[in-house]
Protein backbone atom coordinates (compact mmCIF):
# COMPACT_ATOMS: atom_id res chain seq x y z
CA MET A 1 -107.79 12.05 -77.52
CA ASN A 2 -105.50 14.39 -75.58
CA VAL A 3 -107.95 17.27 -75.81
CA VAL A 4 -110.79 15.14 -74.45
CA HIS A 5 -108.58 13.94 -71.61
CA GLY A 6 -107.48 17.49 -70.82
CA VAL A 7 -111.04 18.85 -70.79
CA SER A 8 -112.37 16.00 -68.65
CA ASP A 9 -109.42 16.31 -66.26
CA SER A 10 -109.98 20.05 -65.88
CA ALA A 11 -113.71 19.57 -65.35
CA ALA A 12 -113.00 16.91 -62.72
CA LYS A 13 -110.61 19.22 -60.87
CA ILE A 14 -113.08 22.12 -60.90
CA THR A 15 -115.98 20.02 -59.65
CA GLY A 16 -113.67 18.40 -57.09
CA SER A 17 -112.71 21.82 -55.73
CA LEU A 18 -116.35 22.89 -55.52
CA SER A 19 -117.20 19.63 -53.80
CA ASP A 20 -114.38 20.08 -51.28
CA GLY A 21 -115.61 23.57 -50.45
CA LEU A 22 -119.19 22.44 -49.92
CA TRP A 23 -118.15 19.47 -47.77
CA ASN A 24 -115.93 21.68 -45.62
CA ALA A 25 -118.71 24.26 -45.29
CA SER A 26 -121.01 21.57 -43.92
CA MET A 27 -118.79 21.22 -40.84
CA ASP A 28 -120.03 17.63 -40.47
CA SER A 29 -117.09 15.46 -39.45
CA LYS A 30 -118.85 12.12 -40.09
CA PHE A 31 -119.49 12.91 -43.74
CA GLN A 32 -116.03 14.40 -44.17
CA GLU A 33 -114.45 11.21 -42.81
CA SER A 34 -116.51 9.00 -45.14
CA ARG A 35 -115.60 11.19 -48.10
CA ASP A 36 -111.90 11.08 -47.20
CA ALA A 37 -112.08 7.29 -47.01
CA MET A 38 -113.64 7.16 -50.49
CA ARG A 39 -110.96 9.44 -51.89
CA ALA A 40 -108.18 7.29 -50.42
CA GLU A 41 -109.20 4.34 -52.61
CA ARG A 42 -107.15 3.90 -55.79
CA PHE A 43 -108.74 2.79 -59.04
CA SER A 44 -107.10 1.39 -62.14
CA SER A 45 -109.68 1.79 -64.89
CA SER A 46 -112.08 4.39 -66.19
CA LYS A 47 -114.98 2.14 -65.24
CA ASP A 48 -113.77 2.09 -61.61
CA HIS A 49 -113.53 5.89 -61.63
CA PHE A 50 -117.04 6.20 -63.04
CA VAL A 51 -118.49 3.77 -60.48
CA ALA A 52 -116.73 5.64 -57.67
CA GLY A 53 -118.15 8.92 -58.97
CA VAL A 54 -121.68 7.58 -59.11
CA LYS A 55 -121.25 6.08 -55.64
CA GLY A 56 -120.03 9.43 -54.32
CA LEU A 57 -122.94 11.26 -55.92
CA VAL A 58 -125.50 8.88 -54.45
CA MET A 59 -123.86 8.99 -51.02
CA GLY A 60 -123.83 12.78 -51.16
CA LEU A 61 -127.50 13.03 -52.09
CA VAL A 62 -128.61 10.51 -49.48
CA GLY A 63 -126.36 12.05 -46.85
CA GLY A 64 -127.64 15.52 -47.64
CA LEU A 65 -131.26 14.51 -47.45
CA THR A 66 -130.86 12.60 -44.20
CA SER A 67 -128.77 15.32 -42.59
CA ILE A 68 -131.63 17.80 -43.03
CA VAL A 69 -133.45 15.71 -40.43
CA THR A 70 -130.65 14.23 -38.31
CA GLN A 71 -128.49 17.33 -37.76
CA PRO A 72 -131.17 19.46 -36.03
CA ILE A 73 -132.14 16.50 -33.82
CA GLU A 74 -128.52 15.81 -32.91
CA GLY A 75 -127.87 19.51 -32.27
CA ALA A 76 -130.94 19.82 -30.04
CA HIS A 77 -129.87 16.75 -28.10
CA ASN A 78 -126.36 18.13 -27.52
CA ALA A 79 -126.98 21.86 -27.03
CA GLY A 80 -130.71 22.55 -26.82
CA LEU A 81 -132.30 25.27 -28.91
CA SER A 82 -129.04 26.81 -30.11
CA GLY A 83 -127.84 23.35 -31.18
CA PHE A 84 -131.11 22.80 -33.03
CA ILE A 85 -130.64 26.03 -34.97
CA THR A 86 -127.01 25.15 -35.70
CA GLY A 87 -128.17 21.69 -36.80
CA ILE A 88 -130.58 23.24 -39.29
CA GLY A 89 -127.67 25.17 -40.81
CA LYS A 90 -125.48 22.06 -40.98
CA GLY A 91 -128.32 20.02 -42.46
CA LEU A 92 -128.97 22.55 -45.19
């Protein structure tokens, strides 16, 4: 039981660190704020943790797919061609 807990805890910390790095690399403050709000919630059971993980995964996938379109448009609106190019980078 302790070994399984230790392995799953280590795996969660590693994937959490990778996730933090990717979110910070995106430089998208809206998604970072929503992710911080999700992380601030406290859960009491394993089921709650699992549901929160699935919710985070789905939000990440949907957010990533929509940002491929919305970031270049937002960048072009704010800064023209250079903003569009920056938006493509943020979206990807």
